[in-house]
PDB file of all heavy atoms in Angstrom:
ATOM      1  N   HIS A   1       0.823  -1.189  -0.019  1.00  0.00           N
ATOM      2  CA  HIS A   1       0.007   0.013  -0.019  1.00  0.00           C
ATOM      3  C   HIS A   1       0.856   1.271  -0.028  1.00  0.00           C
ATOM      4  O   HIS A   1       0.631   2.171  -0.804  1.00  0.00           O
ATOM      5  CB  HIS A   1      -0.931  -0.043   1.243  1.00  0.00           C
ATOM      6  CG  HIS A   1      -1.718   1.236   1.401  1.00  0.00           C
ATOM      7  ND1 HIS A   1      -1.269   2.341   2.188  1.00  0.00           N
ATOM      8  CD2 HIS A   1      -2.873   1.592   0.871  1.00  0.00           C
ATOM      9  CE1 HIS A   1      -2.155   3.304   2.136  1.00  0.00           C
ATOM     10  NE2 HIS A   1      -3.126   2.912   1.374  1.00  0.00           N
ATOM     11  N   ASP A   2       1.816   1.323   0.902  1.00  0.00           N
ATOM     12  CA  ASP A   2       2.682   2.512   1.024  1.00  0.00           C
ATOM     13  C   ASP A   2       3.552   2.706  -0.189  1.00  0.00           C
ATOM     14  O   ASP A   2       3.808   3.852  -0.626  1.00  0.00           O
ATOM     15  CB  ASP A   2       3.582   2.406   2.256  1.00  0.00           C
ATOM     16  CG  ASP A   2       2.818   2.703   3.537  1.00  0.00           C
ATOM     17  OD1 ASP A   2       1.665   3.174   3.465  1.00  0.00           O
ATOM     18  OD2 ASP A   2       3.384   2.450   4.636  1.00  0.00           O
ATOM     19  N   PHE A   3       3.944   1.629  -0.880  1.00  0.00           N
ATOM     20  CA  PHE A   3       4.762   1.737  -2.108  1.00  0.00           C
ATOM     21  C   PHE A   3       3.956   2.479  -3.163  1.00  0.00           C
ATOM     22  O   PHE A   3       4.466   3.464  -3.742  1.00  0.00           O
ATOM     23  CB  PHE A   3       5.140   0.353  -2.580  1.00  0.00           C
ATOM     24  CG  PHE A   3       5.692   0.348  -4.026  1.00  0.00           C
ATOM     25  CD1 PHE A   3       7.007   0.763  -4.257  1.00  0.00           C
ATOM     26  CD2 PHE A   3       4.910   0.023  -5.129  1.00  0.00           C
ATOM     27  CE1 PHE A   3       7.532   0.827  -5.563  1.00  0.00           C
ATOM     28  CE2 PHE A   3       5.386   0.057  -6.387  1.00  0.00           C
ATOM     29  CZ  PHE A   3       6.749   0.444  -6.610  1.00  0.00           C
ATOM     30  N   PHE A   4       2.749   2.033  -3.405  1.00  0.00           N
ATOM     31  CA  PHE A   4       1.942   2.666  -4.445  1.00  0.00           C
ATOM     32  C   PHE A   4       1.565   4.089  -4.081  1.00  0.00           C
ATOM     33  O   PHE A   4       1.510   4.982  -4.966  1.00  0.00           O
ATOM     34  CB  PHE A   4       0.686   1.840  -4.773  1.00  0.00           C
ATOM     35  CG  PHE A   4       0.942   0.756  -5.749  1.00  0.00           C
ATOM     36  CD1 PHE A   4       1.219  -0.549  -5.348  1.00  0.00           C
ATOM     37  CD2 PHE A   4       0.933   1.036  -7.094  1.00  0.00           C
ATOM     38  CE1 PHE A   4       1.464  -1.577  -6.282  1.00  0.00           C
ATOM     39  CE2 PHE A   4       1.213   0.003  -8.040  1.00  0.00           C
ATOM     40  CZ  PHE A   4       1.450  -1.316  -7.605  1.00  0.00           C
ATOM     41  N   LEU A   5       1.366   4.329  -2.798  1.00  0.00           N
ATOM     42  CA  LEU A   5       1.008   5.659  -2.331  1.00  0.00           C
ATOM     43  C   LEU A   5       2.190   6.627  -2.604  1.00  0.00           C
ATOM     44  O   LEU A   5       2.049   7.748  -3.117  1.00  0.00           O
ATOM     45  CB  LEU A   5       0.665   5.639  -0.884  1.00  0.00           C
ATOM     46  CG  LEU A   5      -0.089   6.872  -0.335  1.00  0.00           C
ATOM     47  CD1 LEU A   5      -1.465   7.018  -1.043  1.00  0.00           C
ATOM     48  CD2 LEU A   5      -0.289   6.728   1.198  1.00  0.00           C
ATOM     49  N   ALA A   6       3.447   6.180  -2.240  1.00  0.00           N
ATOM     50  CA  ALA A   6       4.640   7.010  -2.424  1.00  0.00           C
ATOM     51  C   ALA A   6       4.872   7.244  -3.879  1.00  0.00           C
ATOM     52  O   ALA A   6       5.206   8.409  -4.280  1.00  0.00           O
ATOM     53  CB  ALA A   6       5.836   6.342  -1.789  1.00  0.00           C
ATOM     54  N   VAL A   7       4.746   6.245  -4.663  1.00  0.00           N
ATOM     55  CA  VAL A   7       5.017   6.385  -6.171  1.00  0.00           C
ATOM     56  C   VAL A   7       4.010   7.333  -6.824  1.00  0.00           C
ATOM     57  O   VAL A   7       4.371   8.232  -7.543  1.00  0.00           O
ATOM     58  CB  VAL A   7       4.997   4.993  -6.801  1.00  0.00           C
ATOM     59  CG1 VAL A   7       4.936   5.139  -8.356  1.00  0.00           C
ATOM     60  CG2 VAL A   7       6.179   4.183  -6.423  1.00  0.00           C
ATOM     61  N   LEU A   8       2.729   7.158  -6.463  1.00  0.00           N
ATOM     62  CA  LEU A   8       1.709   8.019  -7.104  1.00  0.00           C
ATOM     63  C   LEU A   8       1.793   9.467  -6.626  1.00  0.00           C
ATOM     64  O   LEU A   8       1.744  10.371  -7.466  1.00  0.00           O
ATOM     65  CB  LEU A   8       0.335   7.419  -6.810  1.00  0.00           C
ATOM     66  CG  LEU A   8       0.050   6.084  -7.426  1.00  0.00           C
ATOM     67  CD1 LEU A   8      -1.383   5.582  -7.091  1.00  0.00           C
ATOM     68  CD2 LEU A   8       0.173   6.145  -8.980  1.00  0.00           C
ATOM     69  N   ILE A   9       2.004   9.693  -5.319  1.00  0.00           N
ATOM     70  CA  ILE A   9       2.094  11.059  -4.851  1.00  0.00           C
ATOM     71  C   ILE A   9       3.380  11.731  -5.361  1.00  0.00           C
ATOM     72  O   ILE A   9       3.354  12.830  -5.817  1.00  0.00           O
ATOM     73  CB  ILE A   9       2.044  11.075  -3.328  1.00  0.00           C
ATOM     74  CG1 ILE A   9       0.682  10.642  -2.795  1.00  0.00           C
ATOM     75  CG2 ILE A   9       2.461  12.496  -2.773  1.00  0.00           C
ATOM     76  CD1 ILE A   9       0.607  10.556  -1.270  1.00  0.00           C
ATOM     77  N   GLY A  10       4.478  11.003  -5.262  1.00  0.00           N
ATOM     78  CA  GLY A  10       5.764  11.566  -5.710  1.00  0.00           C
ATOM     79  C   GLY A  10       5.795  11.923  -7.161  1.00  0.00           C
ATOM     80  O   GLY A  10       6.204  12.977  -7.559  1.00  0.00           O
ATOM     81  N   ASN A  11       5.263  11.026  -7.997  1.00  0.00           N
ATOM     82  CA  ASN A  11       5.269  11.281  -9.436  1.00  0.00           C
ATOM     83  C   ASN A  11       4.180  12.288  -9.823  1.00  0.00           C
ATOM     84  O   ASN A  11       4.344  12.992 -10.855  1.00  0.00           O
ATOM     85  CB  ASN A  11       5.074   9.970 -10.207  1.00  0.00           C
ATOM     86  CG  ASN A  11       6.395   9.156 -10.267  1.00  0.00           C
ATOM     87  OD1 ASN A  11       7.415   9.773 -10.519  1.00  0.00           O
ATOM     88  ND2 ASN A  11       6.283   7.895 -10.087  1.00  0.00           N
ATOM     89  N   LEU A  12       3.155  12.435  -9.021  1.00  0.00           N
ATOM     90  CA  LEU A  12       2.157  13.499  -9.259  1.00  0.00           C
ATOM     91  C   LEU A  12       2.800  14.870  -9.004  1.00  0.00           C
ATOM     92  O   LEU A  12       2.626  15.821  -9.791  1.00  0.00           O
ATOM     93  CB  LEU A  12       0.971  13.304  -8.385  1.00  0.00           C
ATOM     94  CG  LEU A  12      -0.179  14.376  -8.546  1.00  0.00           C
ATOM     95  CD1 LEU A  12      -0.675  14.365  -9.948  1.00  0.00           C
ATOM     96  CD2 LEU A  12      -1.244  14.116  -7.524  1.00  0.00           C
ATOM     97  N   LEU A  13       3.596  14.949  -7.955  1.00  0.00           N
ATOM     98  CA  LEU A  13       4.357  16.168  -7.652  1.00  0.00           C
ATOM     99  C   LEU A  13       5.330  16.509  -8.788  1.00  0.00           C
ATOM    100  O   LEU A  13       5.430  17.680  -9.229  1.00  0.00           O
ATOM    101  CB  LEU A  13       5.138  16.041  -6.350  1.00  0.00           C
ATOM    102  CG  LEU A  13       4.309  16.030  -5.063  1.00  0.00           C
ATOM    103  CD1 LEU A  13       5.173  15.708  -3.822  1.00  0.00           C
ATOM    104  CD2 LEU A  13       3.597  17.358  -4.860  1.00  0.00           C
ATOM    105  N   LEU A  14       6.064  15.440  -9.273  1.00  0.00           N
ATOM    106  CA  LEU A  14       6.931  15.635 -10.419  1.00  0.00           C
ATOM    107  C   LEU A  14       6.157  16.125 -11.661  1.00  0.00           C
ATOM    108  O   LEU A  14       6.644  17.014 -12.381  1.00  0.00           O
ATOM    109  CB  LEU A  14       7.660  14.319 -10.780  1.00  0.00           C
ATOM    110  CG  LEU A  14       9.079  14.049 -10.202  1.00  0.00           C
ATOM    111  CD1 LEU A  14       9.571  12.707 -10.694  1.00  0.00           C
ATOM    112  CD2 LEU A  14       9.989  15.181 -10.614  1.00  0.00           C
ATOM    113  N   GLY A  15       5.000  15.524 -11.863  1.00  0.00           N
ATOM    114  CA  GLY A  15       4.154  15.873 -13.015  1.00  0.00           C
ATOM    115  C   GLY A  15       3.725  17.322 -12.917  1.00  0.00           C
ATOM    116  O   GLY A  15       3.734  18.022 -13.940  1.00  0.00           O
ATOM    117  N   ILE A  16       3.314  17.808 -11.769  1.00  0.00           N
ATOM    118  CA  ILE A  16       2.918  19.183 -11.634  1.00  0.00           C
ATOM    119  C   ILE A  16       4.058  20.158 -11.912  1.00  0.00           C
ATOM    120  O   ILE A  16       3.912  21.144 -12.611  1.00  0.00           O
ATOM    121  CB  ILE A  16       2.306  19.401 -10.185  1.00  0.00           C
ATOM    122  CG1 ILE A  16       0.975  18.632 -10.023  1.00  0.00           C
ATOM    123  CG2 ILE A  16       2.087  20.925  -9.940  1.00  0.00           C
ATOM    124  CD1 ILE A  16       0.473  18.572  -8.611  1.00  0.00           C
ATOM    125  N   TYR A  17       5.224  19.812 -11.276  1.00  0.00           N
ATOM    126  CA  TYR A  17       6.409  20.661 -11.483  1.00  0.00           C
ATOM    127  C   TYR A  17       6.769  20.765 -12.940  1.00  0.00           C
ATOM    128  O   TYR A  17       6.994  21.878 -13.474  1.00  0.00           O
ATOM    129  CB  TYR A  17       7.554  20.021 -10.640  1.00  0.00           C
ATOM    130  CG  TYR A  17       8.933  20.642 -10.838  1.00  0.00           C
ATOM    131  CD1 TYR A  17       9.229  21.952 -10.440  1.00  0.00           C
ATOM    132  CD2 TYR A  17       9.982  19.898 -11.402  1.00  0.00           C
ATOM    133  CE1 TYR A  17      10.476  22.455 -10.610  1.00  0.00           C
ATOM    134  CE2 TYR A  17      11.227  20.419 -11.549  1.00  0.00           C
ATOM    135  CZ  TYR A  17      11.508  21.652 -11.186  1.00  0.00           C
ATOM    136  OH  TYR A  17      12.731  22.189 -11.379  1.00  0.00           O
ATOM    137  N   THR A  18       6.840  19.618 -13.629  1.00  0.00           N
ATOM    138  CA  THR A  18       7.273  19.609 -15.040  1.00  0.00           C
ATOM    139  C   THR A  18       6.175  20.221 -15.943  1.00  0.00           C
ATOM    140  O   THR A  18       6.447  20.812 -16.972  1.00  0.00           O
ATOM    141  CB  THR A  18       7.616  18.181 -15.479  1.00  0.00           C
ATOM    142  OG1 THR A  18       6.526  17.329 -15.281  1.00  0.00           O
ATOM    143  CG2 THR A  18       8.836  17.685 -14.769  1.00  0.00           C
ATOM    144  N   ALA A  19       4.915  20.100 -15.513  1.00  0.00           N
ATOM    145  CA  ALA A  19       3.844  20.740 -16.298  1.00  0.00           C
ATOM    146  C   ALA A  19       3.971  22.209 -16.360  1.00  0.00           C
ATOM    147  O   ALA A  19       3.717  22.839 -17.401  1.00  0.00           O
ATOM    148  CB  ALA A  19       2.428  20.311 -15.717  1.00  0.00           C
ATOM    149  N   PHE A  20       4.289  22.797 -15.229  1.00  0.00           N
ATOM    150  CA  PHE A  20       4.502  24.289 -15.217  1.00  0.00           C
ATOM    151  C   PHE A  20       5.614  24.684 -16.166  1.00  0.00           C
ATOM    152  O   PHE A  20       5.514  25.587 -16.934  1.00  0.00           O
ATOM    153  CB  PHE A  20       4.921  24.742 -13.791  1.00  0.00           C
ATOM    154  CG  PHE A  20       3.793  25.140 -12.932  1.00  0.00           C
ATOM    155  CD1 PHE A  20       3.384  24.348 -11.860  1.00  0.00           C
ATOM    156  CD2 PHE A  20       3.069  26.336 -13.173  1.00  0.00           C
ATOM    157  CE1 PHE A  20       2.288  24.738 -11.050  1.00  0.00           C
ATOM    158  CE2 PHE A  20       2.022  26.722 -12.402  1.00  0.00           C
ATOM    159  CZ  PHE A  20       1.609  25.911 -11.324  1.00  0.00           C
ATOM    160  N   LEU A  21       6.782  23.918 -16.112  1.00  0.00           N
ATOM    161  CA  LEU A  21       7.877  24.249 -16.987  1.00  0.00           C
ATOM    162  C   LEU A  21       7.523  23.962 -18.436  1.00  0.00           C
ATOM    163  O   LEU A  21       7.974  24.687 -19.353  1.00  0.00           O
ATOM    164  CB  LEU A  21       9.082  23.424 -16.541  1.00  0.00           C
ATOM    165  CG  LEU A  21       9.725  23.781 -15.169  1.00  0.00           C
ATOM    166  CD1 LEU A  21      10.736  22.726 -14.739  1.00  0.00           C
ATOM    167  CD2 LEU A  21      10.329  25.167 -15.221  1.00  0.00           C
ATOM    168  N   GLY A  22       6.765  22.885 -18.668  1.00  0.00           N
ATOM    169  CA  GLY A  22       6.368  22.573 -20.032  1.00  0.00           C
ATOM    170  C   GLY A  22       5.447  23.626 -20.572  1.00  0.00           C
ATOM    171  O   GLY A  22       5.554  23.985 -21.756  1.00  0.00           O
ATOM    172  N   PHE A  23       4.524  24.152 -19.789  1.00  0.00           N
ATOM    173  CA  PHE A  23       3.594  25.237 -20.238  1.00  0.00           C
ATOM    174  C   PHE A  23       4.473  26.439 -20.668  1.00  0.00           C
ATOM    175  O   PHE A  23       4.212  26.968 -21.766  1.00  0.00           O
ATOM    176  CB  PHE A  23       2.664  25.601 -19.137  1.00  0.00           C
ATOM    177  CG  PHE A  23       1.723  26.716 -19.469  1.00  0.00           C
ATOM    178  CD1 PHE A  23       0.521  26.474 -20.085  1.00  0.00           C
ATOM    179  CD2 PHE A  23       2.030  28.050 -19.202  1.00  0.00           C
ATOM    180  CE1 PHE A  23      -0.360  27.504 -20.456  1.00  0.00           C
ATOM    181  CE2 PHE A  23       1.230  29.130 -19.575  1.00  0.00           C
ATOM    182  CZ  PHE A  23       0.060  28.799 -20.147  1.00  0.00           C
ATOM    183  N   ILE A  24       5.416  26.821 -19.861  1.00  0.00           N
ATOM    184  CA  ILE A  24       6.208  28.019 -20.146  1.00  0.00           C
ATOM    185  C   ILE A  24       7.034  27.773 -21.408  1.00  0.00           C
ATOM    186  O   ILE A  24       7.156  28.632 -22.277  1.00  0.00           O
ATOM    187  CB  ILE A  24       7.116  28.380 -18.952  1.00  0.00           C
ATOM    188  CG1 ILE A  24       6.310  28.694 -17.748  1.00  0.00           C
ATOM    189  CG2 ILE A  24       8.050  29.555 -19.304  1.00  0.00           C
ATOM    190  CD1 ILE A  24       7.118  28.779 -16.439  1.00  0.00           C
ATOM    191  N   GLY A  25       7.631  26.569 -21.516  1.00  0.00           N
ATOM    192  CA  GLY A  25       8.446  26.248 -22.684  1.00  0.00           C
ATOM    193  C   GLY A  25       7.642  26.278 -24.014  1.00  0.00           C
ATOM    194  O   GLY A  25       8.060  26.830 -25.001  1.00  0.00           O
ATOM    195  N   SER A  26       6.424  25.711 -23.974  1.00  0.00           N
ATOM    196  CA  SER A  26       5.617  25.718 -25.171  1.00  0.00           C
ATOM    197  C   SER A  26       5.050  27.074 -25.445  1.00  0.00           C
ATOM    198  O   SER A  26       4.926  27.459 -26.628  1.00  0.00           O
ATOM    199  CB  SER A  26       4.424  24.694 -24.945  1.00  0.00           C
ATOM    200  OG  SER A  26       3.576  24.690 -26.077  1.00  0.00           O
ATOM    201  N   LYS A  27       4.687  27.829 -24.461  1.00  0.00           N
ATOM    202  CA  LYS A  27       4.170  29.160 -24.658  1.00  0.00           C
ATOM    203  C   LYS A  27       5.166  30.075 -25.296  1.00  0.00           C
ATOM    204  O   LYS A  27       4.834  30.921 -26.185  1.00  0.00           O
ATOM    205  CB  LYS A  27       3.726  29.741 -23.260  1.00  0.00           C
ATOM    206  CG  LYS A  27       2.960  31.051 -23.357  1.00  0.00           C
ATOM    207  CD  LYS A  27       1.550  30.897 -23.736  1.00  0.00           C
ATOM    208  CE  LYS A  27       0.741  32.145 -23.631  1.00  0.00           C
ATOM    209  NZ  LYS A  27      -0.671  31.950 -24.134  1.00  0.00           N
ATOM    210  N   THR A  28       6.469  29.951 -24.920  1.00  0.00           N
ATOM    211  CA  THR A  28       7.503  30.853 -25.396  1.00  0.00           C
ATOM    212  C   THR A  28       8.297  30.229 -26.588  1.00  0.00           C
ATOM    213  O   THR A  28       8.917  30.946 -27.352  1.00  0.00           O
ATOM    214  CB  THR A  28       8.427  31.215 -24.312  1.00  0.00           C
ATOM    215  OG1 THR A  28       9.087  30.012 -23.806  1.00  0.00           O
ATOM    216  CG2 THR A  28       7.741  31.929 -23.131  1.00  0.00           C
ATOM    217  N   GLY A  29       8.325  28.875 -26.627  1.00  0.00           N
ATOM    218  CA  GLY A  29       9.162  28.193 -27.610  1.00  0.00           C
ATOM    219  C   GLY A  29      10.645  28.235 -27.272  1.00  0.00           C
ATOM    220  O   GLY A  29      11.493  27.902 -28.092  1.00  0.00           O
ATOM    221  N   LEU A  30      10.962  28.532 -26.026  1.00  0.00           N
ATOM    222  CA  LEU A  30      12.324  28.656 -25.606  1.00  0.00           C
ATOM    223  C   LEU A  30      12.899  27.462 -24.804  1.00  0.00           C
ATOM    224  O   LEU A  30      12.123  26.813 -24.093  1.00  0.00           O
ATOM    225  CB  LEU A  30      12.510  29.926 -24.715  1.00  0.00           C
ATOM    226  CG  LEU A  30      12.189  31.254 -25.460  1.00  0.00           C
ATOM    227  CD1 LEU A  30      12.232  32.405 -24.459  1.00  0.00           C
ATOM    228  CD2 LEU A  30      13.178  31.523 -26.599  1.00  0.00           C
ATOM    229  N   THR A  31      14.208  27.245 -24.894  1.00  0.00           N
ATOM    230  CA  THR A  31      14.834  26.215 -24.063  1.00  0.00           C
ATOM    231  C   THR A  31      14.873  26.639 -22.594  1.00  0.00           C
ATOM    232  O   THR A  31      14.651  27.854 -22.276  1.00  0.00           O
ATOM    233  CB  THR A  31      16.292  25.973 -24.494  1.00  0.00           C
ATOM    234  OG1 THR A  31      17.063  27.145 -24.204  1.00  0.00           O
ATOM    235  CG2 THR A  31      16.382  25.691 -25.994  1.00  0.00           C
ATOM    236  N   THR A  32      15.121  25.720 -21.718  1.00  0.00           N
ATOM    237  CA  THR A  32      15.321  26.009 -20.279  1.00  0.00           C
ATOM    238  C   THR A  32      16.354  27.097 -20.091  1.00  0.00           C
ATOM    239  O   THR A  32      16.184  27.980 -19.280  1.00  0.00           O
ATOM    240  CB  THR A  32      15.735  24.751 -19.555  1.00  0.00           C
ATOM    241  OG1 THR A  32      14.821  23.683 -19.817  1.00  0.00           O
ATOM    242  CG2 THR A  32      15.876  24.985 -18.070  1.00  0.00           C
ATOM    243  N   HIS A  33      17.396  27.091 -20.870  1.00  0.00           N
ATOM    244  CA  HIS A  33      18.539  27.953 -20.701  1.00  0.00           C
ATOM    245  C   HIS A  33      18.209  29.382 -21.156  1.00  0.00           C
ATOM    246  O   HIS A  33      18.682  30.340 -20.556  1.00  0.00           O
ATOM    247  CB  HIS A  33      19.762  27.402 -21.425  1.00  0.00           C
ATOM    248  CG  HIS A  33      19.945  25.921 -21.171  1.00  0.00           C
ATOM    249  ND1 HIS A  33      20.496  25.456 -20.076  1.00  0.00           N
ATOM    250  CD2 HIS A  33      19.537  24.837 -21.917  1.00  0.00           C
ATOM    251  CE1 HIS A  33      20.495  24.105 -20.090  1.00  0.00           C
ATOM    252  NE2 HIS A  33      19.922  23.734 -21.171  1.00  0.00           N
ATOM    253  N   LEU A  34      17.471  29.490 -22.210  1.00  0.00           N
ATOM    254  CA  LEU A  34      17.029  30.850 -22.678  1.00  0.00           C
ATOM    255  C   LEU A  34      15.992  31.392 -21.725  1.00  0.00           C
ATOM    256  O   LEU A  34      15.960  32.603 -21.515  1.00  0.00           O
ATOM    257  CB  LEU A  34      16.505  30.783 -24.106  1.00  0.00           C
ATOM    258  CG  LEU A  34      17.508  30.319 -25.221  1.00  0.00           C
ATOM    259  CD1 LEU A  34      16.864  30.344 -26.595  1.00  0.00           C
ATOM    260  CD2 LEU A  34      18.772  31.230 -25.155  1.00  0.00           C
ATOM    261  N   LEU A  35      15.166  30.527 -21.167  1.00  0.00           N
ATOM    262  CA  LEU A  35      14.168  30.990 -20.171  1.00  0.00           C
ATOM    263  C   LEU A  35      14.936  31.550 -18.959  1.00  0.00           C
ATOM    264  O   LEU A  35      14.494  32.476 -18.312  1.00  0.00           O
ATOM    265  CB  LEU A  35      13.246  29.840 -19.780  1.00  0.00           C
ATOM    266  CG  LEU A  35      12.193  29.427 -20.813  1.00  0.00           C
ATOM    267  CD1 LEU A  35      11.487  28.166 -20.329  1.00  0.00           C
ATOM    268  CD2 LEU A  35      11.172  30.534 -21.064  1.00  0.00           C
ATOM    269  N   ALA A  36      16.019  30.856 -18.598  1.00  0.00           N
ATOM    270  CA  ALA A  36      16.777  31.258 -17.437  1.00  0.00           C
ATOM    271  C   ALA A  36      17.328  32.664 -17.571  1.00  0.00           C
ATOM    272  O   ALA A  36      17.675  33.328 -16.562  1.00  0.00           O
ATOM    273  CB  ALA A  36      17.879  30.274 -17.134  1.00  0.00           C
ATOM    274  N   ARG A  37      17.527  33.145 -18.772  1.00  0.00           N
ATOM    275  CA  ARG A  37      18.053  34.494 -19.013  1.00  0.00           C
ATOM    276  C   ARG A  37      17.204  35.550 -18.411  1.00  0.00           C
ATOM    277  O   ARG A  37      17.630  36.613 -17.970  1.00  0.00           O
ATOM    278  CB  ARG A  37      18.294  34.754 -20.495  1.00  0.00           C
ATOM    279  CG  ARG A  37      19.394  33.938 -21.127  1.00  0.00           C
ATOM    280  CD  ARG A  37      19.639  34.402 -22.560  1.00  0.00           C
ATOM    281  NE  ARG A  37      20.716  33.742 -23.188  1.00  0.00           N
ATOM    282  CZ  ARG A  37      21.236  34.046 -24.365  1.00  0.00           C
ATOM    283  NH1 ARG A  37      20.684  35.031 -25.028  1.00  0.00           N
ATOM    284  NH2 ARG A  37      22.237  33.362 -24.871  1.00  0.00           N
ATOM    285  N   TYR A  38      15.848  35.356 -18.410  1.00  0.00           N
ATOM    286  CA  TYR A  38      14.936  36.328 -17.886  1.00  0.00           C
ATOM    287  C   TYR A  38      15.121  36.496 -16.395  1.00  0.00           C
ATOM    288  O   TYR A  38      15.058  37.624 -15.919  1.00  0.00           O
ATOM    289  CB  TYR A  38      13.490  35.916 -18.175  1.00  0.00           C
ATOM    290  CG  TYR A  38      13.068  35.998 -19.573  1.00  0.00           C
ATOM    291  CD1 TYR A  38      13.129  34.867 -20.401  1.00  0.00           C
ATOM    292  CD2 TYR A  38      12.554  37.210 -20.110  1.00  0.00           C
ATOM    293  CE1 TYR A  38      12.697  34.951 -21.720  1.00  0.00           C
ATOM    294  CE2 TYR A  38      12.179  37.293 -21.478  1.00  0.00           C
ATOM    295  CZ  TYR A  38      12.229  36.173 -22.250  1.00  0.00           C
ATOM    296  OH  TYR A  38      11.818  36.215 -23.563  1.00  0.00           O
TER     297      TYR A  38
END
């Protein structure tokens, strides 16, 4: 039970974090490194 709970919660957090970065990348068309310039 705890294994699946940890995997699902942890990867959901990863999914949310990367979704934010993915939205910004697609919106601007810029790499992570060019975004970092701002």
